[in-house]
Amino acid sequence: MSAPAAPRPLASPPTATSPSTSSPTSVATPAAPRRRWLTDWRVRFAVLSVIWGFSFLLIKVGTEAYAPLQVAFGRVLFGTAVLGAALALRRERLPRGLRTWGHLTVAALLLNALPFTLFAYAELTIPSSLAGICNATSPLWGMVLSLVALSEDRPTRRRFAGLVIGFLGVLTVLGAWQGFSGLDAKGTAMALLASLSYPVGWIYVRRTLAGREGSPLAMTGAQLLLATVQLGALLPFFTSAPSGLPLWPTLSVVALGALGTGFALQTQYGLVAEVGPTTAQMVTYFIPVIATAAGVLALGEHLTWNTPVGAAIVLTGAFLTQSRPRPRP
């Protein structure tokens, strides 16, 4: 899962044409209700949840044949290709200005290159389900960092309680009472560090790129392009060329980039524009559920009782940290 380059909605949210606004001579066809159903935001929300939930399975399969750095590179490469095609169809330009591109370079590192690589390395030694649960701790890290970096983001008792509950959930997932036995400490730490990288990047983007010229899609397209350059520059020094292109790992990397990054980001922007960021970000709470189910059912990963219980506690805490007090009438 990656983050948009700028925390703002699209300039003109897409709207569906209702029968009352169609031309007098138009005739309704049987396919029209189905098209409306397929474009309903709830369907797109479910599709986005599934895509991002399965991303951790795709990473796991990809690392069976490719180095973690190669998996991360393929992810941003194919994601950039999808967003580039979308920008070309919409005839949108990439952002301009050296300062903007400088900030985007840092955003690409924090929101794409670093976390994508860390998750790929982590899944060499930890289950994909655990990586998906670690990803759900991003809102918890985000609240901790916002208290320090964003003075206007004041904590409330409810949000502070969510923070405490969330980290108790993390300890439950990791089995703290039994000394974290059975877990690879290095891999788990990498997954948690990847989750921490996201809110660090979001705060940086909020401080430096909010209000900059350029649509969110163009900003993120440029961001992924820079991440591709960053990871591509590292490949010759840290990896060797793969001996072959095995079918399933290759398809997994392609799907991870094209669907899990490129298509998913476009879908996310549409949701933000249509239902707002608060509802759209609820997809975060479905990702670990789907990642766990995919890991257990498709990969045969072992699941102990504390993993789903801890995940539920983490999600409860993350939900509370994102809550805002209702405005008084």
Protein backbone atom coordinates (compact mmCIF):
# COMPACT_ATOMS: atom_id res chain seq x y z
CA MET A 1 0.00 0.00 0.00
CA SER A 2 1.28 3.40 -0.82
CA ALA A 3 0.19 6.92 -0.13
CA PRO A 4 -0.90 9.75 -2.39
CA ALA A 5 1.62 12.46 -3.04
CA ALA A 6 -0.64 15.25 -1.88
CA PRO A 7 -3.31 15.09 0.84
CA ARG A 8 -6.13 16.67 -1.12
CA PRO A 9 -9.02 15.43 -3.25
CA LEU A 10 -9.29 15.61 -7.00
CA ALA A 11 -10.33 18.95 -8.41
CA SER A 12 -13.50 17.64 -10.00
CA PRO A 13 -14.98 14.47 -8.49
CA PRO A 14 -16.50 12.10 -11.01
CA THR A 15 -20.29 12.06 -10.99
CA ALA A 16 -22.65 9.57 -12.49
CA THR A 17 -25.28 10.76 -14.95
CA SER A 18 -28.74 10.16 -13.54
CA PRO A 19 -31.75 9.34 -15.76
CA SER A 20 -33.25 12.74 -15.05
CA THR A 21 -30.27 14.51 -16.62
CA SER A 22 -30.03 12.36 -19.73
CA SER A 23 -31.30 13.55 -23.08
CA PRO A 24 -35.03 13.20 -23.80
CA THR A 25 -34.34 10.82 -26.64
CA SER A 26 -32.11 8.48 -24.66
CA VAL A 27 -33.41 4.98 -24.04
CA ALA A 28 -32.43 3.01 -20.94
CA THR A 29 -30.73 -0.27 -21.71
CA PRO A 30 -30.60 -3.39 -19.54
CA ALA A 31 -26.85 -2.92 -19.14
CA ALA A 32 -27.22 0.50 -17.53
CA PRO A 33 -28.15 -0.73 -14.02
CA ARG A 34 -25.26 -3.17 -14.10
CA ARG A 35 -22.81 -0.44 -15.11
CA ARG A 36 -24.04 1.75 -12.26
CA TRP A 37 -23.66 -1.19 -9.86
CA LEU A 38 -20.10 -1.88 -11.02
CA THR A 39 -19.11 1.75 -10.54
CA ASP A 40 -20.74 2.08 -7.12
CA TRP A 41 -18.20 3.28 -4.57
CA ARG A 42 -18.88 0.29 -2.29
CA VAL A 43 -17.82 -2.10 -5.03
CA ARG A 44 -14.66 -0.11 -5.70
CA PHE A 45 -14.00 0.05 -1.96
CA ALA A 46 -14.24 -3.76 -1.75
CA VAL A 47 -12.00 -4.19 -4.80
CA LEU A 48 -9.38 -1.87 -3.31
CA SER A 49 -9.47 -3.76 -0.01
CA VAL A 50 -8.93 -7.07 -1.77
CA ILE A 51 -6.13 -5.76 -3.98
CA TRP A 52 -4.18 -4.23 -1.11
CA GLY A 53 -4.92 -7.20 1.14
CA PHE A 54 -3.50 -9.62 -1.44
CA SER A 55 -0.43 -7.43 -1.99
CA PHE A 56 1.38 -9.13 0.87
CA LEU A 57 0.73 -12.55 -0.65
CA LEU A 58 2.06 -11.28 -3.99
CA ILE A 59 5.21 -10.01 -2.28
CA LYS A 60 5.72 -13.42 -0.70
CA VAL A 61 5.36 -15.24 -4.01
CA GLY A 62 7.57 -12.72 -5.79
CA THR A 63 10.45 -13.22 -3.35
CA GLU A 64 10.46 -16.94 -4.15
CA ALA A 65 12.34 -16.16 -7.39
CA TYR A 66 13.49 -12.56 -7.14
CA ALA A 67 15.57 -10.58 -4.68
CA PRO A 68 13.53 -8.28 -2.40
CA LEU A 69 15.02 -5.21 -4.09
CA GLN A 70 13.95 -6.56 -7.47
CA VAL A 71 10.41 -7.15 -6.20
CA ALA A 72 10.23 -3.57 -4.93
CA PHE A 73 11.66 -2.26 -8.21
CA GLY A 74 9.15 -4.22 -10.27
CA ARG A 75 6.36 -2.90 -8.09
CA VAL A 76 7.16 0.76 -8.70
CA LEU A 77 8.09 0.14 -12.35
CA PHE A 78 4.74 -1.39 -13.31
CA GLY A 79 2.89 1.04 -11.05
CA THR A 80 4.57 3.93 -12.85
CA ALA A 81 3.60 2.44 -16.21
CA VAL A 82 -0.09 2.30 -15.21
CA LEU A 83 -0.14 5.82 -13.81
CA GLY A 84 1.80 7.10 -16.83
CA ALA A 85 -0.82 5.62 -19.14
CA ALA A 86 -3.59 7.20 -17.05
CA LEU A 87 -1.90 10.59 -17.21
CA ALA A 88 -1.48 10.28 -20.96
CA LEU A 89 -5.17 9.42 -21.44
CA ARG A 90 -6.19 12.38 -19.30
CA ARG A 91 -3.59 14.58 -20.96
CA GLU A 92 -2.21 15.67 -17.63
CA ARG A 93 1.36 16.86 -17.23
CA LEU A 94 3.84 15.97 -14.56
CA PRO A 95 4.47 18.68 -11.97
CA ARG A 96 7.04 21.38 -12.64
CA GLY A 97 9.64 23.14 -10.54
CA LEU A 98 12.91 21.89 -9.07
CA ARG A 99 11.71 22.46 -5.51
CA THR A 100 8.63 20.30 -6.10
CA TRP A 101 10.70 17.52 -7.64
CA GLY A 102 13.15 17.74 -4.76
CA HIS A 103 10.35 17.22 -2.23
CA LEU A 104 8.90 14.44 -4.36
CA THR A 105 12.28 12.69 -4.31
CA VAL A 106 12.14 12.52 -0.52
CA ALA A 107 8.47 11.46 -0.63
CA ALA A 108 9.33 8.69 -3.10
CA LEU A 109 11.96 7.34 -0.72
CA LEU A 110 9.74 7.44 2.38
CA LEU A 111 6.44 6.35 0.84
CA ASN A 112 7.55 3.91 -1.86
CA ALA A 113 11.18 2.85 -2.21
CA LEU A 114 11.92 2.29 1.50
CA PRO A 115 8.70 0.62 2.72
CA PHE A 116 8.28 -1.53 -0.40
CA THR A 117 11.84 -2.80 -0.02
CA LEU A 118 11.53 -3.37 3.73
CA PHE A 119 8.31 -5.36 3.35
CA ALA A 120 9.91 -7.51 0.66
CA TYR A 121 12.94 -8.23 2.86
CA ALA A 122 10.69 -8.85 5.87
CA GLU A 123 8.66 -11.49 4.05
CA LEU A 124 11.76 -13.57 3.48
CA THR A 125 11.46 -14.63 7.12
CA ILE A 126 7.95 -13.74 8.36
CA PRO A 127 4.49 -14.79 7.10
CA SER A 128 2.67 -12.51 4.71
CA SER A 129 -0.21 -12.36 7.22
CA LEU A 130 2.08 -10.88 9.88
CA ALA A 131 3.39 -8.32 7.38
CA GLY A 132 -0.20 -7.27 6.65
CA ILE A 133 -0.92 -6.85 10.35
CA CYS A 134 2.26 -4.80 10.83
CA ASN A 135 1.07 -2.55 8.02
CA ALA A 136 -2.04 -1.77 10.09
CA THR A 137 0.12 -0.12 12.76
CA SER A 138 0.77 2.88 10.48
CA PRO A 139 -2.06 4.96 12.03
CA LEU A 140 -0.59 4.30 15.48
CA TRP A 141 2.86 5.48 14.43
CA GLY A 142 1.22 8.40 12.67
CA MET A 143 -0.45 9.62 15.84
CA VAL A 144 2.79 9.40 17.82
CA LEU A 145 4.65 11.38 15.18
CA SER A 146 1.87 13.93 14.70
CA LEU A 147 2.05 14.86 18.37
CA VAL A 148 5.65 15.89 17.79
CA ALA A 149 5.66 17.18 14.22
CA LEU A 150 2.18 18.69 13.83
CA SER A 151 1.39 21.12 16.60
CA GLU A 152 -2.17 21.64 15.35
CA ASP A 153 -3.00 17.97 15.75
CA ARG A 154 -3.96 17.88 19.41
CA PRO A 155 -4.55 14.52 21.11
CA THR A 156 -7.82 13.62 22.77
CA ARG A 157 -8.49 11.06 25.47
CA ARG A 158 -10.14 8.79 22.94
CA ARG A 159 -7.21 8.95 20.53
CA PHE A 160 -4.69 8.45 23.30
CA ALA A 161 -6.66 5.41 24.48
CA GLY A 162 -6.60 4.13 20.91
CA LEU A 163 -2.82 4.47 20.86
CA VAL A 164 -2.45 2.43 24.05
CA ILE A 165 -4.93 -0.20 22.85
CA GLY A 166 -3.21 -0.44 19.49
CA PHE A 167 0.21 -1.13 20.91
CA LEU A 168 -1.27 -3.69 23.30
CA GLY A 169 -2.60 -5.34 20.16
CA VAL A 170 0.87 -5.35 18.64
CA LEU A 171 2.24 -7.07 21.74
CA THR A 172 -0.57 -9.61 21.49
CA VAL A 173 0.21 -10.38 17.85
CA LEU A 174 3.89 -10.81 18.67
CA GLY A 175 3.19 -13.01 21.71
CA ALA A 176 5.05 -10.82 24.20
CA TRP A 177 4.06 -13.00 27.21
CA GLN A 178 5.99 -15.93 25.75
CA GLY A 179 9.11 -13.95 24.93
CA PHE A 180 8.25 -13.40 21.23
CA SER A 181 9.18 -17.02 20.58
CA GLY A 182 8.61 -18.35 17.09
CA LEU A 183 9.00 -14.96 15.42
CA ASP A 184 11.91 -13.69 13.40
CA ALA A 185 12.88 -10.48 15.18
CA LYS A 186 14.72 -8.97 12.22
CA GLY A 187 11.91 -9.57 9.74
CA THR A 188 9.25 -8.30 12.15
CA ALA A 189 11.31 -5.18 12.87
CA MET A 190 11.64 -4.51 9.14
CA ALA A 191 7.87 -4.77 8.65
CA LEU A 192 7.22 -2.41 11.55
CA LEU A 193 9.86 0.00 10.25
CA ALA A 194 8.16 -0.07 6.84
CA SER A 195 4.87 0.81 8.55
CA LEU A 196 6.59 3.65 10.37
CA SER A 197 7.98 4.99 7.09
CA TYR A 198 4.50 5.73 5.76
CA PRO A 199 3.44 8.30 8.41
CA VAL A 200 6.89 9.88 8.30
CA GLY A 201 6.36 10.35 4.58
CA TRP A 202 2.80 11.60 5.02
CA ILE A 203 3.92 14.26 7.49
CA TYR A 204 6.72 15.33 5.17
CA VAL A 205 4.29 15.57 2.24
CA ARG A 206 1.81 17.52 4.34
CA ARG A 207 4.48 20.04 5.29
CA THR A 208 6.11 20.44 1.88
CA LEU A 209 3.77 19.48 -0.96
CA ALA A 210 0.26 20.36 0.19
CA GLY A 211 -1.13 23.07 -2.08
CA ARG A 212 1.51 22.60 -4.77
CA GLU A 213 0.46 22.90 -8.40
CA GLY A 214 -0.47 19.59 -9.99
CA SER A 215 -3.19 17.00 -9.52
CA PRO A 216 -2.74 14.21 -6.94
CA LEU A 217 -2.49 11.71 -9.80
CA ALA A 218 0.30 13.68 -11.49
CA MET A 219 2.15 14.15 -8.20
CA THR A 220 1.98 10.45 -7.39
CA GLY A 221 2.97 9.49 -10.92
CA ALA A 222 6.08 11.63 -10.56
CA GLN A 223 6.68 10.17 -7.10
CA LEU A 224 6.57 6.59 -8.40
CA LEU A 225 8.82 7.53 -11.31
CA LEU A 226 11.41 8.84 -8.87
CA ALA A 227 11.10 5.72 -6.73
CA THR A 228 11.73 3.63 -9.86
CA VAL A 229 14.90 5.62 -10.56
CA GLN A 230 16.04 5.28 -6.94
CA LEU A 231 15.60 1.51 -6.79
CA GLY A 232 16.86 1.01 -10.33
CA ALA A 233 20.11 2.75 -9.42
CA LEU A 234 20.64 0.28 -6.54
CA LEU A 235 19.95 -2.93 -8.46
CA PRO A 236 23.39 -3.33 -10.09
CA PHE A 237 25.14 -2.97 -6.73
CA PHE A 238 22.96 -5.21 -4.53
CA THR A 239 21.43 -7.82 -6.86
CA SER A 240 22.38 -9.99 -9.79
CA ALA A 241 20.27 -10.66 -12.86
CA PRO A 242 17.68 -13.40 -12.28
CA SER A 243 18.46 -16.73 -13.93
CA GLY A 244 14.98 -16.97 -15.40
CA LEU A 245 11.46 -15.58 -15.39
CA PRO A 246 9.34 -18.16 -13.56
CA LEU A 247 5.65 -17.74 -14.27
CA TRP A 248 3.98 -17.22 -10.88
CA PRO A 249 6.62 -15.03 -9.23
CA THR A 250 6.78 -12.89 -12.38
CA LEU A 251 3.01 -12.53 -12.59
CA SER A 252 2.95 -11.70 -8.89
CA VAL A 253 5.40 -8.82 -9.31
CA VAL A 254 3.53 -7.51 -12.36
CA ALA A 255 0.20 -7.67 -10.50
CA LEU A 256 1.76 -6.10 -7.41
CA GLY A 257 2.82 -3.09 -9.46
CA ALA A 258 0.04 -2.76 -12.01
CA LEU A 259 -2.87 -3.59 -9.70
CA GLY A 260 -1.56 -3.16 -6.16
CA THR A 261 0.12 0.18 -6.87
CA GLY A 262 -0.98 1.79 -10.14
CA PHE A 263 -4.64 0.76 -10.41
CA ALA A 264 -5.17 0.85 -6.63
CA LEU A 265 -3.99 4.45 -6.35
CA GLN A 266 -6.35 5.55 -9.12
CA THR A 267 -9.20 3.76 -7.37
CA GLN A 268 -8.27 5.41 -4.08
CA TYR A 269 -8.38 8.88 -5.63
CA GLY A 270 -11.81 8.18 -7.03
CA LEU A 271 -13.05 7.10 -3.61
CA VAL A 272 -11.59 10.16 -1.90
CA ALA A 273 -13.25 12.41 -4.46
CA GLU A 274 -16.62 10.68 -4.16
CA VAL A 275 -17.01 9.78 -0.48
CA GLY A 276 -14.27 11.81 1.20
CA PRO A 277 -10.94 10.85 2.82
CA THR A 278 -12.47 9.65 6.11
CA THR A 279 -14.56 6.93 4.49
CA ALA A 280 -11.89 6.09 1.90
CA GLN A 281 -9.22 5.51 4.55
CA MET A 282 -11.41 2.87 6.21
CA VAL A 283 -9.93 0.47 3.66
CA THR A 284 -6.91 0.32 5.98
CA TYR A 285 -8.88 -1.74 8.48
CA PHE A 286 -9.80 -4.46 5.98
CA ILE A 287 -6.28 -5.00 4.63
CA PRO A 288 -4.88 -7.12 7.51
CA VAL A 289 -8.03 -9.26 7.57
CA ILE A 290 -7.71 -10.06 3.88
CA ALA A 291 -3.92 -10.45 4.10
CA THR A 292 -4.30 -12.97 6.93
CA ALA A 293 -7.01 -14.94 5.12
CA ALA A 294 -4.95 -14.99 1.91
CA GLY A 295 -1.82 -16.13 3.70
CA VAL A 296 -3.59 -18.95 5.53
CA LEU A 297 -5.78 -20.18 2.66
CA ALA A 298 -3.45 -19.68 -0.31
CA LEU A 299 -0.03 -20.15 1.24
CA GLY A 300 -0.88 -22.46 4.14
CA GLU A 301 0.62 -20.12 6.73
CA HIS A 302 0.20 -21.21 10.34
CA LEU A 303 -2.19 -19.12 12.41
CA THR A 304 -2.28 -19.09 16.20
CA TRP A 305 -5.07 -17.59 18.29
CA ASN A 306 -3.11 -14.48 19.27
CA THR A 307 -2.65 -13.35 15.66
CA PRO A 308 -6.32 -12.63 14.80
CA VAL A 309 -7.09 -11.48 18.34
CA GLY A 310 -4.12 -9.11 18.35
CA ALA A 311 -5.01 -7.89 14.86
CA ALA A 312 -8.53 -7.02 16.02
CA ILE A 313 -7.08 -5.07 18.97
CA VAL A 314 -4.66 -3.24 16.66
CA LEU A 315 -7.47 -2.27 14.31
CA THR A 316 -9.61 -1.06 17.20
CA GLY A 317 -6.79 1.13 18.45
CA ALA A 318 -6.00 2.41 14.95
CA PHE A 319 -9.66 3.31 14.44
CA LEU A 320 -9.75 5.28 17.68
CA THR A 321 -6.57 7.19 16.84
CA GLN A 322 -8.14 8.35 13.59
CA SER A 323 -11.40 9.50 15.19
CA ARG A 324 -12.16 13.19 15.46
CA PRO A 325 -14.55 14.87 17.86
CA ARG A 326 -17.90 15.77 16.32
CA PRO A 327 -18.46 19.48 15.88
CA ARG A 328 -20.90 20.96 18.35
CA PRO A 329 -24.18 22.20 16.89
